[in-house]
């Protein structure tokens, strides 16, 4: 949906190593990886990473440099919720943030270009297309119940696992809709058809405060990344590029 041409880099960036503890201030010189490229196709990158643990999750920024210290591709931001496990979806709802940007052309962070990746899981097969709706708590203060509004996005099941599905929407839209609230209710819905009305499949709440914390942390992390990348060959980790056949 957002920056799809840039997101082609995502599988490669996700393969980069990340530290277990927060690294807001770069220290020392990273040691080169013990894995070496093949002699016929030598290629390396410097991976510069900073990370910060927040109350609701962990946010990290990454920037790549070529082996001669020149910038390579854009910056990548990732926010993972507390307790995130890539091998197991947190049912019934799990959110993740991702953003790729080019500092030279995008000096500021555009919240509408930060992608919220929505993952849902239930104990039955999902419909071919479902809807997840985010709603403000009711009654709406100070006016009482003034109508039913919702921010919605489609959810599609995985082809290999119909119990789990995914969707996406801009973080900026969600935060704008949630202005004044620390949490939103959400409902996963099977749309109506000729045989009946909408059917609720799951419900819960979204921690809006945790998402705001991630946005608030970005300026500090970007400053830490700028400090670290001032000397990428001295302060960042030299790694073999993932497209190689390693020995």
C-alpha atoms as a PDB file:
ATOM      1  CA  UNK A   1       0.000   0.000   0.000  1.00  0.00           C
ATOM      2  CA  UNK A   2       2.565   2.553   1.157  1.00  0.00           C
ATOM      3  CA  UNK A   3       5.906   2.973  -0.588  1.00  0.00           C
ATOM      4  CA  UNK A   4       5.551  -0.428  -2.246  1.00  0.00           C
ATOM      5  CA  UNK A   5       8.602   0.076  -4.424  1.00  0.00           C
ATOM      6  CA  UNK A   6      10.707   0.738  -1.323  1.00  0.00           C
ATOM      7  CA  UNK A   7       9.188  -2.133   0.600  1.00  0.00           C
ATOM      8  CA  UNK A   8      10.839  -4.513  -1.844  1.00  0.00           C
ATOM      9  CA  UNK A   9      13.923  -3.940   0.320  1.00  0.00           C
ATOM     10  CA  UNK A  10      12.085  -5.207   3.403  1.00  0.00           C
ATOM     11  CA  UNK A  11      12.995  -8.922   3.124  1.00  0.00           C
ATOM     12  CA  UNK A  12      16.672  -7.989   2.913  1.00  0.00           C
ATOM     13  CA  UNK A  13      16.535  -5.476   5.749  1.00  0.00           C
ATOM     14  CA  UNK A  14      14.745  -7.918   8.019  1.00  0.00           C
ATOM     15  CA  UNK A  15      17.699 -10.262   7.620  1.00  0.00           C
ATOM     16  CA  UNK A  16      20.050  -7.759   9.206  1.00  0.00           C
ATOM     17  CA  UNK A  17      21.182  -8.605  12.764  1.00  0.00           C
ATOM     18  CA  UNK A  18      19.682  -6.663  15.645  1.00  0.00           C
ATOM     19  CA  UNK A  19      20.997  -6.426  19.198  1.00  0.00           C
ATOM     20  CA  UNK A  20      19.087  -7.718  22.163  1.00  0.00           C
ATOM     21  CA  UNK A  21      19.482  -4.533  24.160  1.00  0.00           C
ATOM     22  CA  UNK A  22      18.809  -0.888  23.386  1.00  0.00           C
ATOM     23  CA  UNK A  23      21.597   0.905  21.507  1.00  0.00           C
ATOM     24  CA  UNK A  24      20.820   4.586  21.582  1.00  0.00           C
ATOM     25  CA  UNK A  25      24.440   5.758  21.680  1.00  0.00           C
ATOM     26  CA  UNK A  26      27.027   4.041  19.432  1.00  0.00           C
ATOM     27  CA  UNK A  27      30.046   2.631  21.213  1.00  0.00           C
ATOM     28  CA  UNK A  28      33.239   1.109  19.894  1.00  0.00           C
ATOM     29  CA  UNK A  29      33.961  -0.462  16.540  1.00  0.00           C
ATOM     30  CA  UNK A  30      31.855  -3.388  15.433  1.00  0.00           C
ATOM     31  CA  UNK A  31      33.722  -6.568  14.535  1.00  0.00           C
ATOM     32  CA  UNK A  32      33.299  -8.017  11.082  1.00  0.00           C
ATOM     33  CA  UNK A  33      31.118 -11.074  10.656  1.00  0.00           C
ATOM     34  CA  UNK A  34      32.869 -14.438  10.568  1.00  0.00           C
ATOM     35  CA  UNK A  35      30.783 -15.360   7.505  1.00  0.00           C
ATOM     36  CA  UNK A  36      32.626 -14.531   4.284  1.00  0.00           C
ATOM     37  CA  UNK A  37      31.289 -14.001   0.771  1.00  0.00           C
ATOM     38  CA  UNK A  38      32.366 -16.227  -2.082  1.00  0.00           C
ATOM     39  CA  UNK A  39      35.598 -15.266  -3.783  1.00  0.00           C
ATOM     40  CA  UNK A  40      33.861 -14.908  -7.130  1.00  0.00           C
ATOM     41  CA  UNK A  41      31.325 -12.382  -5.876  1.00  0.00           C
ATOM     42  CA  UNK A  42      32.647 -10.477  -2.846  1.00  0.00           C
ATOM     43  CA  UNK A  43      30.164  -7.954  -1.436  1.00  0.00           C
ATOM     44  CA  UNK A  44      29.737  -6.329   1.958  1.00  0.00           C
ATOM     45  CA  UNK A  45      27.543  -3.762   3.624  1.00  0.00           C
ATOM     46  CA  UNK A  46      27.832  -1.760   6.830  1.00  0.00           C
ATOM     47  CA  UNK A  47      24.681  -2.058   8.918  1.00  0.00           C
ATOM     48  CA  UNK A  48      24.103   0.903  11.243  1.00  0.00           C
ATOM     49  CA  UNK A  49      21.354   0.258  13.795  1.00  0.00           C
ATOM     50  CA  UNK A  50      19.916   2.000  16.836  1.00  0.00           C
ATOM     51  CA  UNK A  51      17.197   0.630  19.060  1.00  0.00           C
ATOM     52  CA  UNK A  52      15.129   1.754  22.036  1.00  0.00           C
ATOM     53  CA  UNK A  53      12.838  -0.244  24.318  1.00  0.00           C
ATOM     54  CA  UNK A  54       9.562   1.543  25.079  1.00  0.00           C
ATOM     55  CA  UNK A  55       6.712   0.724  27.398  1.00  0.00           C
ATOM     56  CA  UNK A  56       4.595  -0.770  24.622  1.00  0.00           C
ATOM     57  CA  UNK A  57       7.271  -2.217  22.375  1.00  0.00           C
ATOM     58  CA  UNK A  58      10.688  -1.783  20.780  1.00  0.00           C
ATOM     59  CA  UNK A  59      11.542   0.692  18.016  1.00  0.00           C
ATOM     60  CA  UNK A  60      14.618   0.442  15.826  1.00  0.00           C
ATOM     61  CA  UNK A  61      16.170   2.390  12.944  1.00  0.00           C
ATOM     62  CA  UNK A  62      18.572   0.933  10.367  1.00  0.00           C
ATOM     63  CA  UNK A  63      20.713   2.448   7.640  1.00  0.00           C
ATOM     64  CA  UNK A  64      22.941   0.627   5.159  1.00  0.00           C
ATOM     65  CA  UNK A  65      26.275   1.717   3.677  1.00  0.00           C
ATOM     66  CA  UNK A  66      28.305   0.163   0.904  1.00  0.00           C
ATOM     67  CA  UNK A  67      31.678  -1.349   1.657  1.00  0.00           C
ATOM     68  CA  UNK A  68      33.382   1.929   0.755  1.00  0.00           C
ATOM     69  CA  UNK A  69      31.207   3.843   3.233  1.00  0.00           C
ATOM     70  CA  UNK A  70      28.645   5.368   0.868  1.00  0.00           C
ATOM     71  CA  UNK A  71      24.892   5.437   1.694  1.00  0.00           C
ATOM     72  CA  UNK A  72      22.970   2.495   0.270  1.00  0.00           C
ATOM     73  CA  UNK A  73      19.155   2.565  -0.010  1.00  0.00           C
ATOM     74  CA  UNK A  74      16.946   4.382   2.495  1.00  0.00           C
ATOM     75  CA  UNK A  75      16.441   4.269   6.246  1.00  0.00           C
ATOM     76  CA  UNK A  76      14.181   1.637   7.704  1.00  0.00           C
ATOM     77  CA  UNK A  77      12.105   2.015  10.868  1.00  0.00           C
ATOM     78  CA  UNK A  78      10.427  -0.884  12.616  1.00  0.00           C
ATOM     79  CA  UNK A  79       8.277  -0.994  15.755  1.00  0.00           C
ATOM     80  CA  UNK A  80       7.445  -4.323  17.334  1.00  0.00           C
ATOM     81  CA  UNK A  81       4.923  -4.668  20.171  1.00  0.00           C
ATOM     82  CA  UNK A  82       6.010  -5.876  23.587  1.00  0.00           C
ATOM     83  CA  UNK A  83       6.182  -9.659  23.642  1.00  0.00           C
ATOM     84  CA  UNK A  84       6.552  -9.863  19.855  1.00  0.00           C
ATOM     85  CA  UNK A  85       7.378 -13.354  18.611  1.00  0.00           C
ATOM     86  CA  UNK A  86       7.908 -13.731  14.834  1.00  0.00           C
ATOM     87  CA  UNK A  87       7.068 -17.426  15.102  1.00  0.00           C
ATOM     88  CA  UNK A  88       3.697 -16.902  16.762  1.00  0.00           C
ATOM     89  CA  UNK A  89       0.968 -14.365  16.109  1.00  0.00           C
ATOM     90  CA  UNK A  90      -0.459 -12.746  19.227  1.00  0.00           C
ATOM     91  CA  UNK A  91      -4.130 -13.567  18.933  1.00  0.00           C
ATOM     92  CA  UNK A  92      -6.499 -12.121  18.172  1.00  0.00           C
ATOM     93  CA  UNK A  93      -4.697  -8.924  17.064  1.00  0.00           C
ATOM     94  CA  UNK A  94      -1.089  -7.897  16.563  1.00  0.00           C
ATOM     95  CA  UNK A  95       0.169  -4.562  15.229  1.00  0.00           C
ATOM     96  CA  UNK A  96       3.553  -3.704  13.773  1.00  0.00           C
ATOM     97  CA  UNK A  97       4.876  -0.448  12.299  1.00  0.00           C
ATOM     98  CA  UNK A  98       7.188  -0.133   9.317  1.00  0.00           C
ATOM     99  CA  UNK A  99       8.580   2.854   7.412  1.00  0.00           C
ATOM    100  CA  UNK A 100      11.232   3.303   4.725  1.00  0.00           C
ATOM    101  CA  UNK A 101      12.337   6.803   3.800  1.00  0.00           C
ATOM    102  CA  UNK A 102      15.150   8.628   2.046  1.00  0.00           C
ATOM    103  CA  UNK A 103      16.637  11.240   4.428  1.00  0.00           C
ATOM    104  CA  UNK A 104      17.796  13.483   1.566  1.00  0.00           C
ATOM    105  CA  UNK A 105      14.284  13.842   0.147  1.00  0.00           C
ATOM    106  CA  UNK A 106      12.196  13.143   3.262  1.00  0.00           C
ATOM    107  CA  UNK A 107      13.863  15.086   6.103  1.00  0.00           C
ATOM    108  CA  UNK A 108      10.800  14.754   8.323  1.00  0.00           C
ATOM    109  CA  UNK A 109       8.720  11.709   9.168  1.00  0.00           C
ATOM    110  CA  UNK A 110       5.320  11.626   7.457  1.00  0.00           C
ATOM    111  CA  UNK A 111       2.960   9.718   9.768  1.00  0.00           C
ATOM    112  CA  UNK A 112       0.690   8.830   6.853  1.00  0.00           C
ATOM    113  CA  UNK A 113       3.605   6.953   5.272  1.00  0.00           C
ATOM    114  CA  UNK A 114       4.238   4.868   8.374  1.00  0.00           C
ATOM    115  CA  UNK A 115       2.460   1.606   7.706  1.00  0.00           C
ATOM    116  CA  UNK A 116       0.512  -0.236  10.382  1.00  0.00           C
ATOM    117  CA  UNK A 117       0.645  -3.930   9.640  1.00  0.00           C
ATOM    118  CA  UNK A 118      -2.428  -5.577  11.124  1.00  0.00           C
ATOM    119  CA  UNK A 119      -2.367  -9.309  11.823  1.00  0.00           C
ATOM    120  CA  UNK A 120      -5.400 -11.161  13.155  1.00  0.00           C
ATOM    121  CA  UNK A 121      -5.939 -14.760  14.185  1.00  0.00           C
ATOM    122  CA  UNK A 122      -9.085 -16.647  15.160  1.00  0.00           C
ATOM    123  CA  UNK A 123      -9.990 -20.303  15.751  1.00  0.00           C
ATOM    124  CA  UNK A 124     -11.979 -20.619  12.525  1.00  0.00           C
ATOM    125  CA  UNK A 125     -11.341 -19.885   8.864  1.00  0.00           C
ATOM    126  CA  UNK A 126     -11.465 -16.216   7.962  1.00  0.00           C
ATOM    127  CA  UNK A 127     -13.756 -15.138   5.110  1.00  0.00           C
ATOM    128  CA  UNK A 128     -12.158 -14.279   1.805  1.00  0.00           C
ATOM    129  CA  UNK A 129     -12.332 -10.614   2.843  1.00  0.00           C
ATOM    130  CA  UNK A 130     -13.129  -9.358   6.343  1.00  0.00           C
ATOM    131  CA  UNK A 131     -13.163  -5.881   7.866  1.00  0.00           C
ATOM    132  CA  UNK A 132     -11.468  -4.692  11.011  1.00  0.00           C
ATOM    133  CA  UNK A 133     -13.076  -1.557  12.407  1.00  0.00           C
ATOM    134  CA  UNK A 134     -11.465   0.788  14.942  1.00  0.00           C
ATOM    135  CA  UNK A 135     -13.981   2.710  17.022  1.00  0.00           C
ATOM    136  CA  UNK A 136     -13.769   5.393  19.676  1.00  0.00           C
ATOM    137  CA  UNK A 137     -15.200   4.351  23.047  1.00  0.00           C
ATOM    138  CA  UNK A 138     -18.850   5.310  23.501  1.00  0.00           C
ATOM    139  CA  UNK A 139     -20.451   7.421  24.725  1.00  0.00           C
ATOM    140  CA  UNK A 140     -18.331  10.120  23.142  1.00  0.00           C
ATOM    141  CA  UNK A 141     -17.559  12.799  25.747  1.00  0.00           C
ATOM    142  CA  UNK A 142     -18.693  15.468  26.325  1.00  0.00           C
ATOM    143  CA  UNK A 143     -21.539  15.146  23.821  1.00  0.00           C
ATOM    144  CA  UNK A 144     -22.902  11.685  24.580  1.00  0.00           C
ATOM    145  CA  UNK A 145     -23.643   9.174  21.846  1.00  0.00           C
ATOM    146  CA  UNK A 146     -23.597  11.146  18.601  1.00  0.00           C
ATOM    147  CA  UNK A 147     -23.484   8.341  16.048  1.00  0.00           C
ATOM    148  CA  UNK A 148     -21.462   5.353  15.002  1.00  0.00           C
ATOM    149  CA  UNK A 149     -18.206   6.131  13.212  1.00  0.00           C
ATOM    150  CA  UNK A 150     -15.268   3.826  12.563  1.00  0.00           C
ATOM    151  CA  UNK A 151     -11.901   3.670  10.815  1.00  0.00           C
ATOM    152  CA  UNK A 152     -11.784   0.441   8.826  1.00  0.00           C
ATOM    153  CA  UNK A 153      -9.420  -1.607   6.692  1.00  0.00           C
ATOM    154  CA  UNK A 154      -9.723  -4.905   4.886  1.00  0.00           C
ATOM    155  CA  UNK A 155      -8.243  -8.123   6.248  1.00  0.00           C
ATOM    156  CA  UNK A 156      -7.276 -10.977   3.930  1.00  0.00           C
ATOM    157  CA  UNK A 157      -6.478 -14.535   5.074  1.00  0.00           C
ATOM    158  CA  UNK A 158      -3.098 -16.050   4.343  1.00  0.00           C
ATOM    159  CA  UNK A 159      -3.248 -18.579   1.532  1.00  0.00           C
ATOM    160  CA  UNK A 160      -1.419 -21.174   3.636  1.00  0.00           C
ATOM    161  CA  UNK A 161      -3.243 -20.482   6.917  1.00  0.00           C
ATOM    162  CA  UNK A 162      -6.890 -19.452   6.754  1.00  0.00           C
ATOM    163  CA  UNK A 163      -7.078 -18.956  10.540  1.00  0.00           C
ATOM    164  CA  UNK A 164      -4.770 -15.942  10.283  1.00  0.00           C
ATOM    165  CA  UNK A 165      -4.964 -12.828   8.133  1.00  0.00           C
ATOM    166  CA  UNK A 166      -3.406  -9.441   7.478  1.00  0.00           C
ATOM    167  CA  UNK A 167      -4.261  -5.873   6.577  1.00  0.00           C
ATOM    168  CA  UNK A 168      -2.637  -2.446   6.619  1.00  0.00           C
ATOM    169  CA  UNK A 169      -3.432   1.239   7.097  1.00  0.00           C
ATOM    170  CA  UNK A 170      -1.550   4.541   7.639  1.00  0.00           C
ATOM    171  CA  UNK A 171      -0.488   5.322  11.190  1.00  0.00           C
ATOM    172  CA  UNK A 172      -1.298   8.997  10.639  1.00  0.00           C
ATOM    173  CA  UNK A 173      -4.940   8.176   9.876  1.00  0.00           C
ATOM    174  CA  UNK A 174      -5.296   6.041  12.991  1.00  0.00           C
ATOM    175  CA  UNK A 175      -3.704   8.615  15.312  1.00  0.00           C
ATOM    176  CA  UNK A 176      -5.842  11.402  13.846  1.00  0.00           C
ATOM    177  CA  UNK A 177      -8.987   9.356  14.399  1.00  0.00           C
ATOM    178  CA  UNK A 178      -7.848   8.465  17.939  1.00  0.00           C
ATOM    179  CA  UNK A 179      -7.054  12.052  18.982  1.00  0.00           C
ATOM    180  CA  UNK A 180      -8.039  12.510  22.603  1.00  0.00           C
ATOM    181  CA  UNK A 181      -8.096   8.770  23.401  1.00  0.00           C
ATOM    182  CA  UNK A 182      -5.498   6.416  24.864  1.00  0.00           C
ATOM    183  CA  UNK A 183      -7.138   3.323  23.391  1.00  0.00           C
ATOM    184  CA  UNK A 184      -9.588   2.352  20.666  1.00  0.00           C
ATOM    185  CA  UNK A 185     -11.983  -0.555  20.440  1.00  0.00           C
ATOM    186  CA  UNK A 186     -11.707  -2.817  17.408  1.00  0.00           C
ATOM    187  CA  UNK A 187     -14.027  -5.388  15.875  1.00  0.00           C
ATOM    188  CA  UNK A 188     -13.291  -7.984  13.201  1.00  0.00           C
ATOM    189  CA  UNK A 189     -16.358  -8.395  10.994  1.00  0.00           C
ATOM    190  CA  UNK A 190     -17.525 -10.783   8.292  1.00  0.00           C
ATOM    191  CA  UNK A 191     -19.435  -8.542   5.863  1.00  0.00           C
ATOM    192  CA  UNK A 192     -23.095  -9.161   5.209  1.00  0.00           C
ATOM    193  CA  UNK A 193     -24.274 -11.220   2.260  1.00  0.00           C
ATOM    194  CA  UNK A 194     -27.618 -12.322   0.845  1.00  0.00           C
ATOM    195  CA  UNK A 195     -28.032 -14.894   3.614  1.00  0.00           C
ATOM    196  CA  UNK A 196     -27.691 -12.612   6.610  1.00  0.00           C
ATOM    197  CA  UNK A 197     -26.199  -9.556   8.250  1.00  0.00           C
ATOM    198  CA  UNK A 198     -22.681  -8.741   9.430  1.00  0.00           C
ATOM    199  CA  UNK A 199     -21.101 -11.257  11.797  1.00  0.00           C
ATOM    200  CA  UNK A 200     -18.656 -10.325  14.539  1.00  0.00           C
ATOM    201  CA  UNK A 201     -15.605 -12.619  14.536  1.00  0.00           C
ATOM    202  CA  UNK A 202     -13.447 -11.047  17.269  1.00  0.00           C
ATOM    203  CA  UNK A 203     -13.035  -7.854  19.286  1.00  0.00           C
ATOM    204  CA  UNK A 204     -10.538  -6.106  21.555  1.00  0.00           C
ATOM    205  CA  UNK A 205      -8.694  -2.811  22.138  1.00  0.00           C
ATOM    206  CA  UNK A 206      -5.742  -1.034  20.520  1.00  0.00           C
ATOM    207  CA  UNK A 207      -3.150   0.655  22.737  1.00  0.00           C
ATOM    208  CA  UNK A 208      -2.899   4.089  21.119  1.00  0.00           C
ATOM    209  CA  UNK A 209      -0.515   5.347  23.811  1.00  0.00           C
ATOM    210  CA  UNK A 210       2.087   2.766  22.739  1.00  0.00           C
ATOM    211  CA  UNK A 211       1.890   3.927  19.118  1.00  0.00           C
ATOM    212  CA  UNK A 212       2.295   7.558  20.166  1.00  0.00           C
ATOM    213  CA  UNK A 213       5.378   6.576  22.190  1.00  0.00           C
ATOM    214  CA  UNK A 214       6.937   5.152  19.034  1.00  0.00           C
ATOM    215  CA  UNK A 215       6.367   8.412  17.160  1.00  0.00           C
ATOM    216  CA  UNK A 216       7.743  10.471  20.049  1.00  0.00           C
ATOM    217  CA  UNK A 217      10.923   8.356  20.144  1.00  0.00           C
ATOM    218  CA  UNK A 218      11.749   8.877  16.452  1.00  0.00           C
ATOM    219  CA  UNK A 219      13.593  12.242  16.708  1.00  0.00           C
ATOM    220  CA  UNK A 220      15.913  10.933  19.446  1.00  0.00           C
ATOM    221  CA  UNK A 221      16.613   7.751  17.528  1.00  0.00           C
ATOM    222  CA  UNK A 222      17.291   9.619  14.308  1.00  0.00           C
ATOM    223  CA  UNK A 223      19.778  11.834  16.153  1.00  0.00           C
ATOM    224  CA  UNK A 224      21.503   8.747  17.574  1.00  0.00           C
ATOM    225  CA  UNK A 225      21.607   7.183  14.107  1.00  0.00           C
ATOM    226  CA  UNK A 226      23.105  10.348  12.634  1.00  0.00           C
ATOM    227  CA  UNK A 227      25.845  10.271  15.265  1.00  0.00           C
ATOM    228  CA  UNK A 228      26.590   6.632  14.570  1.00  0.00           C
ATOM    229  CA  UNK A 229      26.615   6.997  10.788  1.00  0.00           C
ATOM    230  CA  UNK A 230      29.070   9.889  10.893  1.00  0.00           C
ATOM    231  CA  UNK A 231      31.704   7.123  10.816  1.00  0.00           C
ATOM    232  CA  UNK A 232      29.918   4.050   9.466  1.00  0.00           C
ATOM    233  CA  UNK A 233      33.071   2.047   8.802  1.00  0.00           C
ATOM    234  CA  UNK A 234      34.229   2.572  12.374  1.00  0.00           C
ATOM    235  CA  UNK A 235      30.949   2.391  14.320  1.00  0.00           C
ATOM    236  CA  UNK A 236      28.712   0.067  12.305  1.00  0.00           C
ATOM    237  CA  UNK A 237      28.742  -3.668  11.728  1.00  0.00           C
ATOM    238  CA  UNK A 238      30.236  -5.025   8.499  1.00  0.00           C
ATOM    239  CA  UNK A 239      28.099  -7.838   7.146  1.00  0.00           C
ATOM    240  CA  UNK A 240      28.014 -10.015   4.019  1.00  0.00           C
ATOM    241  CA  UNK A 241      25.132  -8.968   1.764  1.00  0.00           C
ATOM    242  CA  UNK A 242      22.237 -11.470   1.897  1.00  0.00           C
ATOM    243  CA  UNK A 243      22.047 -12.027  -1.861  1.00  0.00           C
ATOM    244  CA  UNK A 244      25.373 -13.877  -1.754  1.00  0.00           C
ATOM    245  CA  UNK A 245      25.935 -17.598  -1.648  1.00  0.00           C
ATOM    246  CA  UNK A 246      28.008 -17.790   1.531  1.00  0.00           C
ATOM    247  CA  UNK A 247      30.510 -20.510   2.265  1.00  0.00           C
END
